[in-house]
């Protein structure tokens, strides 16, 4: 069966079909399927940038500035990560520092995914 025969079975007219181009390394891919869709008169759109749905996903996937712009409540999580960084800087080897940061990031992420509020606990009698 040829591609034209496949599309002839659709009830919608090709010009009424909107195709979203796939992404690879953050860029829209112009592959054979997309060129064929255009040749059939379909509208091919570049994929929209996807915003993380939850604060936990933003913490996992976005740079801190961007995550905080979408989810200001992540400030405590990034403060806690900064404390982890200061702790990691005390270790002599790069491998140890990397392990400490990985553990800190994983624990904070796990807490966020579990819906827990993450931040620095204020000690009694001490102002920030």
PDB file of N, CA and C in Angstrom:
ATOM      1  N   UNK A   1       0.846  -1.175   0.000  1.00  0.00           N
ATOM      2  CA  UNK A   1       0.000   0.000   0.000  1.00  0.00           C
ATOM      3  C   UNK A   1       0.893   1.240   0.000  1.00  0.00           C
ATOM      4  N   UNK A   2       0.623   2.149  -0.887  1.00  0.00           N
ATOM      5  CA  UNK A   2       1.420   3.367  -0.982  1.00  0.00           C
ATOM      6  C   UNK A   2       0.943   4.381   0.055  1.00  0.00           C
ATOM      7  N   UNK A   3       1.790   5.358   0.387  1.00  0.00           N
ATOM      8  CA  UNK A   3       1.360   6.388   1.342  1.00  0.00           C
ATOM      9  C   UNK A   3       0.102   7.122   0.876  1.00  0.00           C
ATOM     10  N   UNK A   4      -0.018   7.365  -0.411  1.00  0.00           N
ATOM     11  CA  UNK A   4      -1.208   8.053  -0.916  1.00  0.00           C
ATOM     12  C   UNK A   4      -2.463   7.216  -0.673  1.00  0.00           C
ATOM     13  N   UNK A   5      -2.351   5.884  -0.826  1.00  0.00           N
ATOM     14  CA  UNK A   5      -3.497   5.010  -0.567  1.00  0.00           C
ATOM     15  C   UNK A   5      -3.861   5.011   0.920  1.00  0.00           C
ATOM     16  N   UNK A   6      -2.844   5.056   1.759  1.00  0.00           N
ATOM     17  CA  UNK A   6      -3.111   5.115   3.200  1.00  0.00           C
ATOM     18  C   UNK A   6      -3.880   6.391   3.531  1.00  0.00           C
ATOM     19  N   UNK A   7      -3.414   7.511   3.008  1.00  0.00           N
ATOM     20  CA  UNK A   7      -4.068   8.782   3.305  1.00  0.00           C
ATOM     21  C   UNK A   7      -5.449   8.884   2.663  1.00  0.00           C
ATOM     22  N   UNK A   8      -5.675   8.125   1.581  1.00  0.00           N
ATOM     23  CA  UNK A   8      -6.993   8.170   0.944  1.00  0.00           C
ATOM     24  C   UNK A   8      -8.063   7.553   1.840  1.00  0.00           C
ATOM     25  N   UNK A   9      -7.657   6.751   2.812  1.00  0.00           N
ATOM     26  CA  UNK A   9      -8.613   6.126   3.727  1.00  0.00           C
ATOM     27  C   UNK A   9      -9.037   7.054   4.862  1.00  0.00           C
ATOM     28  N   UNK A  10      -8.337   8.152   5.033  1.00  0.00           N
ATOM     29  CA  UNK A  10      -8.722   9.111   6.070  1.00  0.00           C
ATOM     30  C   UNK A  10     -10.019   9.798   5.676  1.00  0.00           C
ATOM     31  N   UNK A  11     -10.836  10.115   6.662  1.00  0.00           N
ATOM     32  CA  UNK A  11     -12.062  10.850   6.355  1.00  0.00           C
ATOM     33  C   UNK A  11     -11.795  12.346   6.262  1.00  0.00           C
ATOM     34  N   UNK A  12     -10.718  12.814   6.921  1.00  0.00           N
ATOM     35  CA  UNK A  12     -10.380  14.240   6.860  1.00  0.00           C
ATOM     36  C   UNK A  12      -9.599  14.533   5.583  1.00  0.00           C
ATOM     37  N   UNK A  13      -9.769  15.729   5.077  1.00  0.00           N
ATOM     38  CA  UNK A  13      -8.972  16.139   3.929  1.00  0.00           C
ATOM     39  C   UNK A  13      -7.548  16.417   4.410  1.00  0.00           C
ATOM     40  N   UNK A  14      -6.531  16.121   3.606  1.00  0.00           N
ATOM     41  CA  UNK A  14      -5.149  16.340   4.043  1.00  0.00           C
ATOM     42  C   UNK A  14      -4.888  17.762   4.516  1.00  0.00           C
ATOM     43  N   UNK A  15      -5.474  18.754   3.862  1.00  0.00           N
ATOM     44  CA  UNK A  15      -5.220  20.137   4.266  1.00  0.00           C
ATOM     45  C   UNK A  15      -5.825  20.464   5.635  1.00  0.00           C
ATOM     46  N   UNK A  16      -6.711  19.603   6.131  1.00  0.00           N
ATOM     47  CA  UNK A  16      -7.301  19.806   7.449  1.00  0.00           C
ATOM     48  C   UNK A  16      -6.516  19.107   8.553  1.00  0.00           C
ATOM     49  N   UNK A  17      -5.473  18.387   8.171  1.00  0.00           N
ATOM     50  CA  UNK A  17      -4.679  17.642   9.149  1.00  0.00           C
ATOM     51  C   UNK A  17      -3.471  18.471   9.541  1.00  0.00           C
ATOM     52  N   UNK A  18      -3.242  18.545  10.827  1.00  0.00           N
ATOM     53  CA  UNK A  18      -2.073  19.264  11.340  1.00  0.00           C
ATOM     54  C   UNK A  18      -1.105  18.225  11.909  1.00  0.00           C
ATOM     55  N   UNK A  19       0.143  18.295  11.482  1.00  0.00           N
ATOM     56  CA  UNK A  19       1.176  17.351  11.903  1.00  0.00           C
ATOM     57  C   UNK A  19       2.190  18.113  12.736  1.00  0.00           C
ATOM     58  N   UNK A  20       2.572  17.529  13.869  1.00  0.00           N
ATOM     59  CA  UNK A  20       3.599  18.139  14.718  1.00  0.00           C
ATOM     60  C   UNK A  20       4.912  17.430  14.426  1.00  0.00           C
ATOM     61  N   UNK A  21       5.905  18.214  14.018  1.00  0.00           N
ATOM     62  CA  UNK A  21       7.208  17.640  13.685  1.00  0.00           C
ATOM     63  C   UNK A  21       7.875  17.108  14.950  1.00  0.00           C
ATOM     64  N   UNK A  22       8.534  15.979  14.849  1.00  0.00           N
ATOM     65  CA  UNK A  22       9.237  15.441  16.021  1.00  0.00           C
ATOM     66  C   UNK A  22      10.467  16.270  16.355  1.00  0.00           C
ATOM     67  N   UNK A  23      10.958  16.136  17.582  1.00  0.00           N
ATOM     68  CA  UNK A  23      12.167  16.841  18.019  1.00  0.00           C
ATOM     69  C   UNK A  23      13.313  15.862  18.187  1.00  0.00           C
ATOM     70  N   UNK A  24      14.498  16.348  17.892  1.00  0.00           N
ATOM     71  CA  UNK A  24      15.714  15.590  18.155  1.00  0.00           C
ATOM     72  C   UNK A  24      16.756  16.604  18.592  1.00  0.00           C
ATOM     73  N   UNK A  25      17.308  16.411  19.788  1.00  0.00           N
ATOM     74  CA  UNK A  25      18.272  17.361  20.358  1.00  0.00           C
ATOM     75  C   UNK A  25      17.710  18.775  20.402  1.00  0.00           C
ATOM     76  N   UNK A  26      16.423  18.887  20.717  1.00  0.00           N
ATOM     77  CA  UNK A  26      15.804  20.196  20.868  1.00  0.00           C
ATOM     78  C   UNK A  26      15.416  20.887  19.571  1.00  0.00           C
ATOM     79  N   UNK A  27      15.663  20.273  18.435  1.00  0.00           N
ATOM     80  CA  UNK A  27      15.365  20.884  17.145  1.00  0.00           C
ATOM     81  C   UNK A  27      14.277  20.092  16.426  1.00  0.00           C
ATOM     82  N   UNK A  28      13.421  20.802  15.693  1.00  0.00           N
ATOM     83  CA  UNK A  28      12.401  20.124  14.901  1.00  0.00           C
ATOM     84  C   UNK A  28      13.096  19.335  13.788  1.00  0.00           C
ATOM     85  N   UNK A  29      12.651  18.133  13.579  1.00  0.00           N
ATOM     86  CA  UNK A  29      13.256  17.258  12.577  1.00  0.00           C
ATOM     87  C   UNK A  29      12.446  17.344  11.288  1.00  0.00           C
ATOM     88  N   UNK A  30      13.123  17.603  10.175  1.00  0.00           N
ATOM     89  CA  UNK A  30      12.452  17.638   8.880  1.00  0.00           C
ATOM     90  C   UNK A  30      12.788  16.325   8.166  1.00  0.00           C
ATOM     91  N   UNK A  31      12.073  15.271   8.517  1.00  0.00           N
ATOM     92  CA  UNK A  31      12.367  13.968   7.939  1.00  0.00           C
ATOM     93  C   UNK A  31      11.436  13.685   6.763  1.00  0.00           C
ATOM     94  N   UNK A  32      11.562  12.496   6.189  1.00  0.00           N
ATOM     95  CA  UNK A  32      10.748  12.135   5.022  1.00  0.00           C
ATOM     96  C   UNK A  32       9.259  12.204   5.316  1.00  0.00           C
ATOM     97  N   UNK A  33       8.853  11.784   6.521  1.00  0.00           N
ATOM     98  CA  UNK A  33       7.433  11.817   6.868  1.00  0.00           C
ATOM     99  C   UNK A  33       6.908  13.252   6.865  1.00  0.00           C
ATOM    100  N   UNK A  34       7.709  14.186   7.358  1.00  0.00           N
ATOM    101  CA  UNK A  34       7.276  15.588   7.391  1.00  0.00           C
ATOM    102  C   UNK A  34       7.207  16.165   5.968  1.00  0.00           C
ATOM    103  N   UNK A  35       8.186  15.813   5.146  1.00  0.00           N
ATOM    104  CA  UNK A  35       8.160  16.303   3.754  1.00  0.00           C
ATOM    105  C   UNK A  35       6.954  15.717   3.010  1.00  0.00           C
ATOM    106  N   UNK A  36       6.654  14.425   3.266  1.00  0.00           N
ATOM    107  CA  UNK A  36       5.494  13.806   2.634  1.00  0.00           C
ATOM    108  C   UNK A  36       4.207  14.492   3.091  1.00  0.00           C
ATOM    109  N   UNK A  37       4.115  14.779   4.387  1.00  0.00           N
ATOM    110  CA  UNK A  37       2.920  15.445   4.912  1.00  0.00           C
ATOM    111  C   UNK A  37       2.731  16.797   4.225  1.00  0.00           C
ATOM    112  N   UNK A  38       3.827  17.534   4.037  1.00  0.00           N
ATOM    113  CA  UNK A  38       3.721  18.822   3.344  1.00  0.00           C
ATOM    114  C   UNK A  38       3.288  18.638   1.895  1.00  0.00           C
ATOM    115  N   UNK A  39       3.834  17.587   1.244  1.00  0.00           N
ATOM    116  CA  UNK A  39       3.492  17.359  -0.165  1.00  0.00           C
ATOM    117  C   UNK A  39       2.012  16.995  -0.321  1.00  0.00           C
ATOM    118  N   UNK A  40       1.401  16.432   0.732  1.00  0.00           N
ATOM    119  CA  UNK A  40      -0.024  16.082   0.700  1.00  0.00           C
ATOM    120  C   UNK A  40      -0.909  17.269   1.072  1.00  0.00           C
ATOM    121  N   UNK A  41      -0.262  18.415   1.379  1.00  0.00           N
ATOM    122  CA  UNK A  41      -1.031  19.607   1.703  1.00  0.00           C
ATOM    123  C   UNK A  41      -1.338  19.760   3.180  1.00  0.00           C
ATOM    124  N   UNK A  42      -0.699  18.955   4.014  1.00  0.00           N
ATOM    125  CA  UNK A  42      -0.932  19.059   5.451  1.00  0.00           C
ATOM    126  C   UNK A  42      -0.099  20.190   6.034  1.00  0.00           C
ATOM    127  N   UNK A  43      -0.591  20.745   7.117  1.00  0.00           N
ATOM    128  CA  UNK A  43       0.152  21.791   7.807  1.00  0.00           C
ATOM    129  C   UNK A  43       1.098  21.128   8.804  1.00  0.00           C
ATOM    130  N   UNK A  44       2.378  21.451   8.703  1.00  0.00           N
ATOM    131  CA  UNK A  44       3.377  20.871   9.603  1.00  0.00           C
ATOM    132  C   UNK A  44       3.840  21.973  10.546  1.00  0.00           C
ATOM    133  N   UNK A  45       3.621  21.746  11.852  1.00  0.00           N
ATOM    134  CA  UNK A  45       4.003  22.724  12.865  1.00  0.00           C
ATOM    135  C   UNK A  45       5.249  22.258  13.594  1.00  0.00           C
ATOM    136  N   UNK A  46       6.051  23.229  13.992  1.00  0.00           N
ATOM    137  CA  UNK A  46       7.170  22.911  14.866  1.00  0.00           C
ATOM    138  C   UNK A  46       6.601  22.588  16.237  1.00  0.00           C
ATOM    139  N   UNK A  47       7.194  21.655  16.933  1.00  0.00           N
ATOM    140  CA  UNK A  47       6.674  21.322  18.253  1.00  0.00           C
ATOM    141  C   UNK A  47       6.873  22.475  19.217  1.00  0.00           C
ATOM    142  N   UNK A  48       5.927  22.666  20.091  1.00  0.00           N
ATOM    143  CA  UNK A  48       6.025  23.722  21.082  1.00  0.00           C
ATOM    144  C   UNK A  48       6.996  23.291  22.175  1.00  0.00           C
ATOM    145  N   UNK A  49       7.626  24.280  22.779  1.00  0.00           N
ATOM    146  CA  UNK A  49       8.462  23.967  23.935  1.00  0.00           C
ATOM    147  C   UNK A  49       7.538  23.480  25.043  1.00  0.00           C
ATOM    148  N   UNK A  50       7.860  22.360  25.604  1.00  0.00           N
ATOM    149  CA  UNK A  50       7.007  21.810  26.656  1.00  0.00           C
ATOM    150  C   UNK A  50       7.439  22.337  28.005  1.00  0.00           C
ATOM    151  N   UNK A  51       6.499  22.859  28.759  1.00  0.00           N
ATOM    152  CA  UNK A  51       6.761  23.341  30.101  1.00  0.00           C
ATOM    153  C   UNK A  51       6.575  22.169  31.054  1.00  0.00           C
ATOM    154  N   UNK A  52       7.504  21.992  31.996  1.00  0.00           N
ATOM    155  CA  UNK A  52       7.297  20.924  32.965  1.00  0.00           C
ATOM    156  C   UNK A  52       5.954  21.105  33.674  1.00  0.00           C
ATOM    157  N   UNK A  53       5.302  20.008  33.940  1.00  0.00           N
ATOM    158  CA  UNK A  53       3.968  20.045  34.522  1.00  0.00           C
ATOM    159  C   UNK A  53       4.029  20.282  36.023  1.00  0.00           C
ATOM    160  N   UNK A  54       5.028  19.764  36.685  1.00  0.00           N
ATOM    161  CA  UNK A  54       5.116  19.894  38.132  1.00  0.00           C
ATOM    162  C   UNK A  54       6.420  20.586  38.528  1.00  0.00           C
ATOM    163  N   UNK A  55       6.428  21.075  39.757  1.00  0.00           N
ATOM    164  CA  UNK A  55       7.641  21.699  40.289  1.00  0.00           C
ATOM    165  C   UNK A  55       8.779  20.684  40.339  1.00  0.00           C
ATOM    166  N   UNK A  56       8.459  19.439  40.680  1.00  0.00           N
ATOM    167  CA  UNK A  56       9.490  18.401  40.746  1.00  0.00           C
ATOM    168  C   UNK A  56      10.134  18.186  39.375  1.00  0.00           C
ATOM    169  N   UNK A  57       9.323  18.182  38.316  1.00  0.00           N
ATOM    170  CA  UNK A  57       9.876  18.026  36.968  1.00  0.00           C
ATOM    171  C   UNK A  57      10.737  19.227  36.600  1.00  0.00           C
ATOM    172  N   UNK A  58      10.310  20.416  36.993  1.00  0.00           N
ATOM    173  CA  UNK A  58      11.098  21.616  36.718  1.00  0.00           C
ATOM    174  C   UNK A  58      12.436  21.542  37.439  1.00  0.00           C
ATOM    175  N   UNK A  59      12.424  21.093  38.683  1.00  0.00           N
ATOM    176  CA  UNK A  59      13.673  20.941  39.447  1.00  0.00           C
ATOM    177  C   UNK A  59      14.607  19.965  38.730  1.00  0.00           C
ATOM    178  N   UNK A  60      14.050  18.881  38.212  1.00  0.00           N
ATOM    179  CA  UNK A  60      14.854  17.854  37.552  1.00  0.00           C
ATOM    180  C   UNK A  60      15.411  18.296  36.206  1.00  0.00           C
ATOM    181  N   UNK A  61      14.645  19.074  35.447  1.00  0.00           N
ATOM    182  CA  UNK A  61      14.978  19.282  34.037  1.00  0.00           C
ATOM    183  C   UNK A  61      15.430  20.692  33.652  1.00  0.00           C
ATOM    184  N   UNK A  62      15.094  21.707  34.448  1.00  0.00           N
ATOM    185  CA  UNK A  62      15.370  23.078  34.037  1.00  0.00           C
ATOM    186  C   UNK A  62      16.526  23.691  34.815  1.00  0.00           C
ATOM    187  N   UNK A  63      17.191  24.689  34.218  1.00  0.00           N
ATOM    188  CA  UNK A  63      18.179  25.457  34.985  1.00  0.00           C
ATOM    189  C   UNK A  63      17.454  26.170  36.133  1.00  0.00           C
ATOM    190  N   UNK A  64      18.145  26.421  37.247  1.00  0.00           N
ATOM    191  CA  UNK A  64      17.488  27.020  38.414  1.00  0.00           C
ATOM    192  C   UNK A  64      16.698  28.297  38.115  1.00  0.00           C
ATOM    193  N   UNK A  65      17.265  29.202  37.326  1.00  0.00           N
ATOM    194  CA  UNK A  65      16.579  30.477  37.054  1.00  0.00           C
ATOM    195  C   UNK A  65      15.233  30.237  36.363  1.00  0.00           C
ATOM    196  N   UNK A  66      15.238  29.349  35.396  1.00  0.00           N
ATOM    197  CA  UNK A  66      14.017  29.060  34.647  1.00  0.00           C
ATOM    198  C   UNK A  66      13.010  28.305  35.519  1.00  0.00           C
ATOM    199  N   UNK A  67      13.483  27.348  36.312  1.00  0.00           N
ATOM    200  CA  UNK A  67      12.589  26.595  37.204  1.00  0.00           C
ATOM    201  C   UNK A  67      11.935  27.530  38.210  1.00  0.00           C
ATOM    202  N   UNK A  68      12.713  28.464  38.752  1.00  0.00           N
ATOM    203  CA  UNK A  68      12.167  29.403  39.737  1.00  0.00           C
ATOM    204  C   UNK A  68      11.188  30.384  39.106  1.00  0.00           C
ATOM    205  N   UNK A  69      11.381  30.714  37.849  1.00  0.00           N
ATOM    206  CA  UNK A  69      10.447  31.608  37.166  1.00  0.00           C
ATOM    207  C   UNK A  69       9.070  30.945  37.049  1.00  0.00           C
ATOM    208  N   UNK A  70       9.045  29.650  36.770  1.00  0.00           N
ATOM    209  CA  UNK A  70       7.777  28.922  36.650  1.00  0.00           C
ATOM    210  C   UNK A  70       7.225  28.491  38.009  1.00  0.00           C
ATOM    211  N   UNK A  71       8.124  28.151  38.929  1.00  0.00           N
ATOM    212  CA  UNK A  71       7.708  27.613  40.232  1.00  0.00           C
ATOM    213  C   UNK A  71       8.509  28.279  41.342  1.00  0.00           C
ATOM    214  N   UNK A  72       8.094  29.466  41.793  1.00  0.00           N
ATOM    215  CA  UNK A  72       8.831  30.171  42.853  1.00  0.00           C
ATOM    216  C   UNK A  72       8.958  29.350  44.143  1.00  0.00           C
ATOM    217  N   UNK A  73       8.045  28.418  44.344  1.00  0.00           N
ATOM    218  CA  UNK A  73       8.089  27.599  45.557  1.00  0.00           C
ATOM    219  C   UNK A  73       9.317  26.675  45.604  1.00  0.00           C
ATOM    220  N   UNK A  74      10.080  26.602  44.519  1.00  0.00           N
ATOM    221  CA  UNK A  74      11.289  25.774  44.500  1.00  0.00           C
ATOM    222  C   UNK A  74      12.495  26.469  45.131  1.00  0.00           C
ATOM    223  N   UNK A  75      12.312  27.701  45.582  1.00  0.00           N
ATOM    224  CA  UNK A  75      13.439  28.446  46.145  1.00  0.00           C
ATOM    225  C   UNK A  75      14.114  27.673  47.276  1.00  0.00           C
ATOM    226  N   UNK A  76      13.314  27.095  48.174  1.00  0.00           N
ATOM    227  CA  UNK A  76      13.879  26.322  49.285  1.00  0.00           C
ATOM    228  C   UNK A  76      14.653  25.108  48.811  1.00  0.00           C
ATOM    229  N   UNK A  77      14.182  24.460  47.772  1.00  0.00           N
ATOM    230  CA  UNK A  77      14.872  23.286  47.234  1.00  0.00           C
ATOM    231  C   UNK A  77      16.238  23.681  46.672  1.00  0.00           C
ATOM    232  N   UNK A  78      16.287  24.809  45.967  1.00  0.00           N
ATOM    233  CA  UNK A  78      17.567  25.245  45.408  1.00  0.00           C
ATOM    234  C   UNK A  78      18.499  25.768  46.511  1.00  0.00           C
ATOM    235  N   UNK A  79      17.931  26.340  47.581  1.00  0.00           N
ATOM    236  CA  UNK A  79      18.757  26.741  48.723  1.00  0.00           C
ATOM    237  C   UNK A  79      19.370  25.501  49.375  1.00  0.00           C
ATOM    238  N   UNK A  80      18.564  24.461  49.510  1.00  0.00           N
ATOM    239  CA  UNK A  80      19.065  23.221  50.092  1.00  0.00           C
ATOM    240  C   UNK A  80      20.149  22.612  49.205  1.00  0.00           C
ATOM    241  N   UNK A  81      19.974  22.706  47.892  1.00  0.00           N
ATOM    242  CA  UNK A  81      20.987  22.203  46.961  1.00  0.00           C
ATOM    243  C   UNK A  81      22.284  23.008  47.102  1.00  0.00           C
ATOM    244  N   UNK A  82      22.172  24.308  47.347  1.00  0.00           N
ATOM    245  CA  UNK A  82      23.358  25.146  47.546  1.00  0.00           C
ATOM    246  C   UNK A  82      24.110  24.724  48.816  1.00  0.00           C
ATOM    247  N   UNK A  83      23.376  24.351  49.859  1.00  0.00           N
ATOM    248  CA  UNK A  83      24.011  23.841  51.072  1.00  0.00           C
ATOM    249  C   UNK A  83      24.759  22.548  50.744  1.00  0.00           C
ATOM    250  N   UNK A  84      24.148  21.692  49.933  1.00  0.00           N
ATOM    251  CA  UNK A  84      24.816  20.464  49.499  1.00  0.00           C
ATOM    252  C   UNK A  84      26.092  20.762  48.739  1.00  0.00           C
ATOM    253  N   UNK A  85      26.077  21.809  47.940  1.00  0.00           N
ATOM    254  CA  UNK A  85      27.263  22.208  47.174  1.00  0.00           C
ATOM    255  C   UNK A  85      28.376  22.651  48.116  1.00  0.00           C
ATOM    256  N   UNK A  86      28.007  23.448  49.137  1.00  0.00           N
ATOM    257  CA  UNK A  86      29.025  23.874  50.105  1.00  0.00           C
ATOM    258  C   UNK A  86      29.614  22.675  50.849  1.00  0.00           C
ATOM    259  N   UNK A  87      28.770  21.699  51.159  1.00  0.00           N
ATOM    260  CA  UNK A  87      29.249  20.480  51.802  1.00  0.00           C
ATOM    261  C   UNK A  87      30.166  19.707  50.854  1.00  0.00           C
ATOM    262  N   UNK A  88      29.765  19.594  49.611  1.00  0.00           N
ATOM    263  CA  UNK A  88      30.561  18.851  48.620  1.00  0.00           C
ATOM    264  C   UNK A  88      31.928  19.492  48.416  1.00  0.00           C
ATOM    265  N   UNK A  89      31.985  20.820  48.503  1.00  0.00           N
ATOM    266  CA  UNK A  89      33.255  21.520  48.288  1.00  0.00           C
ATOM    267  C   UNK A  89      34.295  21.181  49.349  1.00  0.00           C
ATOM    268  N   UNK A  90      33.875  20.586  50.453  1.00  0.00           N
ATOM    269  CA  UNK A  90      34.815  20.208  51.518  1.00  0.00           C
ATOM    270  C   UNK A  90      35.598  18.947  51.172  1.00  0.00           C
ATOM    271  N   UNK A  91      35.122  18.185  50.194  1.00  0.00           N
ATOM    272  CA  UNK A  91      35.786  16.931  49.843  1.00  0.00           C
ATOM    273  C   UNK A  91      36.924  17.196  48.872  1.00  0.00           C
ATOM    274  N   UNK A  92      38.029  16.438  49.032  1.00  0.00           N
ATOM    275  CA  UNK A  92      39.205  16.719  48.208  1.00  0.00           C
ATOM    276  C   UNK A  92      39.087  16.290  46.747  1.00  0.00           C
ATOM    277  N   UNK A  93      38.409  15.179  46.484  1.00  0.00           N
ATOM    278  CA  UNK A  93      38.406  14.695  45.096  1.00  0.00           C
ATOM    279  C   UNK A  93      37.135  15.111  44.355  1.00  0.00           C
ATOM    280  N   UNK A  94      37.292  15.269  43.065  1.00  0.00           N
ATOM    281  CA  UNK A  94      36.165  15.629  42.189  1.00  0.00           C
ATOM    282  C   UNK A  94      35.093  14.550  42.230  1.00  0.00           C
ATOM    283  N   UNK A  95      35.504  13.299  42.261  1.00  0.00           N
ATOM    284  CA  UNK A  95      34.556  12.178  42.297  1.00  0.00           C
ATOM    285  C   UNK A  95      33.697  12.229  43.560  1.00  0.00           C
ATOM    286  N   UNK A  96      34.303  12.513  44.698  1.00  0.00           N
ATOM    287  CA  UNK A  96      33.545  12.614  45.952  1.00  0.00           C
ATOM    288  C   UNK A  96      32.568  13.786  45.908  1.00  0.00           C
ATOM    289  N   UNK A  97      33.015  14.914  45.377  1.00  0.00           N
ATOM    290  CA  UNK A  97      32.132  16.087  45.271  1.00  0.00           C
ATOM    291  C   UNK A  97      30.941  15.778  44.370  1.00  0.00           C
ATOM    292  N   UNK A  98      31.203  15.085  43.275  1.00  0.00           N
ATOM    293  CA  UNK A  98      30.134  14.724  42.343  1.00  0.00           C
ATOM    294  C   UNK A  98      29.129  13.772  43.014  1.00  0.00           C
ATOM    295  N   UNK A  99      29.640  12.816  43.795  1.00  0.00           N
ATOM    296  CA  UNK A  99      28.762  11.877  44.494  1.00  0.00           C
ATOM    297  C   UNK A  99      27.873  12.592  45.503  1.00  0.00           C
ATOM    298  N   UNK A 100      28.451  13.527  46.256  1.00  0.00           N
ATOM    299  CA  UNK A 100      27.665  14.272  47.244  1.00  0.00           C
ATOM    300  C   UNK A 100      26.564  15.064  46.553  1.00  0.00           C
ATOM    301  N   UNK A 101      26.897  15.720  45.443  1.00  0.00           N
ATOM    302  CA  UNK A 101      25.891  16.517  44.722  1.00  0.00           C
ATOM    303  C   UNK A 101      24.819  15.621  44.119  1.00  0.00           C
ATOM    304  N   UNK A 102      25.203  14.460  43.627  1.00  0.00           N
ATOM    305  CA  UNK A 102      24.222  13.530  43.062  1.00  0.00           C
ATOM    306  C   UNK A 102      23.254  13.059  44.135  1.00  0.00           C
ATOM    307  N   UNK A 103      23.786  12.709  45.292  1.00  0.00           N
ATOM    308  CA  UNK A 103      22.927  12.266  46.390  1.00  0.00           C
ATOM    309  C   UNK A 103      22.000  13.396  46.839  1.00  0.00           C
ATOM    310  N   UNK A 104      22.541  14.597  46.981  1.00  0.00           N
ATOM    311  CA  UNK A 104      21.720  15.736  47.411  1.00  0.00           C
ATOM    312  C   UNK A 104      20.598  16.000  46.413  1.00  0.00           C
ATOM    313  N   UNK A 105      20.941  16.040  45.136  1.00  0.00           N
ATOM    314  CA  UNK A 105      19.929  16.307  44.107  1.00  0.00           C
ATOM    315  C   UNK A 105      18.867  15.201  44.087  1.00  0.00           C
ATOM    316  N   UNK A 106      19.293  13.937  44.208  1.00  0.00           N
ATOM    317  CA  UNK A 106      18.328  12.827  44.193  1.00  0.00           C
ATOM    318  C   UNK A 106      17.378  12.891  45.381  1.00  0.00           C
ATOM    319  N   UNK A 107      17.895  13.202  46.552  1.00  0.00           N
ATOM    320  CA  UNK A 107      17.038  13.267  47.748  1.00  0.00           C
ATOM    321  C   UNK A 107      16.045  14.412  47.668  1.00  0.00           C
ATOM    322  N   UNK A 108      16.510  15.559  47.195  1.00  0.00           N
ATOM    323  CA  UNK A 108      15.601  16.704  47.053  1.00  0.00           C
ATOM    324  C   UNK A 108      14.538  16.381  46.012  1.00  0.00           C
ATOM    325  N   UNK A 109      14.956  15.814  44.888  1.00  0.00           N
ATOM    326  CA  UNK A 109      14.014  15.456  43.821  1.00  0.00           C
ATOM    327  C   UNK A 109      12.981  14.452  44.319  1.00  0.00           C
ATOM    328  N   UNK A 110      13.442  13.439  45.050  1.00  0.00           N
ATOM    329  CA  UNK A 110      12.521  12.425  45.571  1.00  0.00           C
ATOM    330  C   UNK A 110      11.482  13.062  46.486  1.00  0.00           C
ATOM    331  N   UNK A 111      11.924  13.953  47.357  1.00  0.00           N
ATOM    332  CA  UNK A 111      10.992  14.630  48.263  1.00  0.00           C
ATOM    333  C   UNK A 111       9.980  15.462  47.480  1.00  0.00           C
ATOM    334  N   UNK A 112      10.442  16.157  46.449  1.00  0.00           N
ATOM    335  CA  UNK A 112       9.528  16.966  45.630  1.00  0.00           C
ATOM    336  C   UNK A 112       8.511  16.077  44.911  1.00  0.00           C
ATOM    337  N   UNK A 113       8.968  14.965  44.368  1.00  0.00           N
ATOM    338  CA  UNK A 113       8.058  14.048  43.671  1.00  0.00           C
ATOM    339  C   UNK A 113       7.049  13.414  44.618  1.00  0.00           C
ATOM    340  N   UNK A 114       7.415  13.302  45.895  1.00  0.00           N
ATOM    341  CA  UNK A 114       6.487  12.765  46.896  1.00  0.00           C
ATOM    342  C   UNK A 114       5.544  13.839  47.433  1.00  0.00           C
ATOM    343  N   UNK A 115       5.710  15.066  46.947  1.00  0.00           N
ATOM    344  CA  UNK A 115       4.825  16.154  47.357  1.00  0.00           C
ATOM    345  C   UNK A 115       5.222  16.823  48.657  1.00  0.00           C
ATOM    346  N   UNK A 116       6.422  16.546  49.133  1.00  0.00           N
ATOM    347  CA  UNK A 116       6.878  17.156  50.382  1.00  0.00           C
ATOM    348  C   UNK A 116       7.413  18.553  50.113  1.00  0.00           C
ATOM    349  N   UNK A 117       7.267  19.418  51.098  1.00  0.00           N
ATOM    350  CA  UNK A 117       7.821  20.764  50.991  1.00  0.00           C
ATOM    351  C   UNK A 117       9.301  20.680  51.325  1.00  0.00           C
ATOM    352  N   UNK A 118      10.129  21.229  50.469  1.00  0.00           N
ATOM    353  CA  UNK A 118      11.572  21.132  50.640  1.00  0.00           C
ATOM    354  C   UNK A 118      12.129  22.529  50.864  1.00  0.00           C
ATOM    355  N   UNK A 119      12.962  22.638  51.862  1.00  0.00           N
ATOM    356  CA  UNK A 119      13.601  23.917  52.142  1.00  0.00           C
ATOM    357  C   UNK A 119      14.495  23.791  53.350  1.00  0.00           C
ATOM    358  N   UNK A 120      15.060  24.908  53.728  1.00  0.00           N
ATOM    359  CA  UNK A 120      15.924  24.922  54.888  1.00  0.00           C
ATOM    360  C   UNK A 120      15.071  25.155  56.118  1.00  0.00           C
ATOM    361  N   UNK A 121      15.245  24.315  57.116  1.00  0.00           N
ATOM    362  CA  UNK A 121      14.505  24.486  58.367  1.00  0.00           C
ATOM    363  C   UNK A 121      15.176  25.588  59.168  1.00  0.00           C
ATOM    364  N   UNK A 122      14.378  26.509  59.655  1.00  0.00           N
ATOM    365  CA  UNK A 122      14.918  27.600  60.443  1.00  0.00           C
ATOM    366  C   UNK A 122      15.045  27.141  61.886  1.00  0.00           C
ATOM    367  N   UNK A 123      16.237  27.342  62.460  1.00  0.00           N
ATOM    368  CA  UNK A 123      16.445  26.925  63.840  1.00  0.00           C
ATOM    369  C   UNK A 123      15.781  27.934  64.780  1.00  0.00           C
ATOM    370  N   UNK A 124      15.224  27.458  65.902  1.00  0.00           N
ATOM    371  CA  UNK A 124      14.572  28.360  66.840  1.00  0.00           C
ATOM    372  C   UNK A 124      15.539  29.409  67.363  1.00  0.00           C
ATOM    373  N   UNK A 125      15.044  30.636  67.439  1.00  0.00           N
ATOM    374  CA  UNK A 125      15.841  31.727  67.967  1.00  0.00           C
ATOM    375  C   UNK A 125      16.876  32.275  66.997  1.00  0.00           C
ATOM    376  N   UNK A 126      16.783  31.862  65.764  1.00  0.00           N
ATOM    377  CA  UNK A 126      17.749  32.318  64.758  1.00  0.00           C
ATOM    378  C   UNK A 126      17.012  32.917  63.576  1.00  0.00           C
ATOM    379  N   UNK A 127      17.360  34.140  63.202  1.00  0.00           N
ATOM    380  CA  UNK A 127      16.746  34.795  62.038  1.00  0.00           C
ATOM    381  C   UNK A 127      17.596  34.549  60.816  1.00  0.00           C
ATOM    382  N   UNK A 128      16.934  34.521  59.692  1.00  0.00           N
ATOM    383  CA  UNK A 128      17.664  34.331  58.430  1.00  0.00           C
ATOM    384  C   UNK A 128      18.308  35.607  58.000  1.00  0.00           C
TER     385      UNK A 128
END
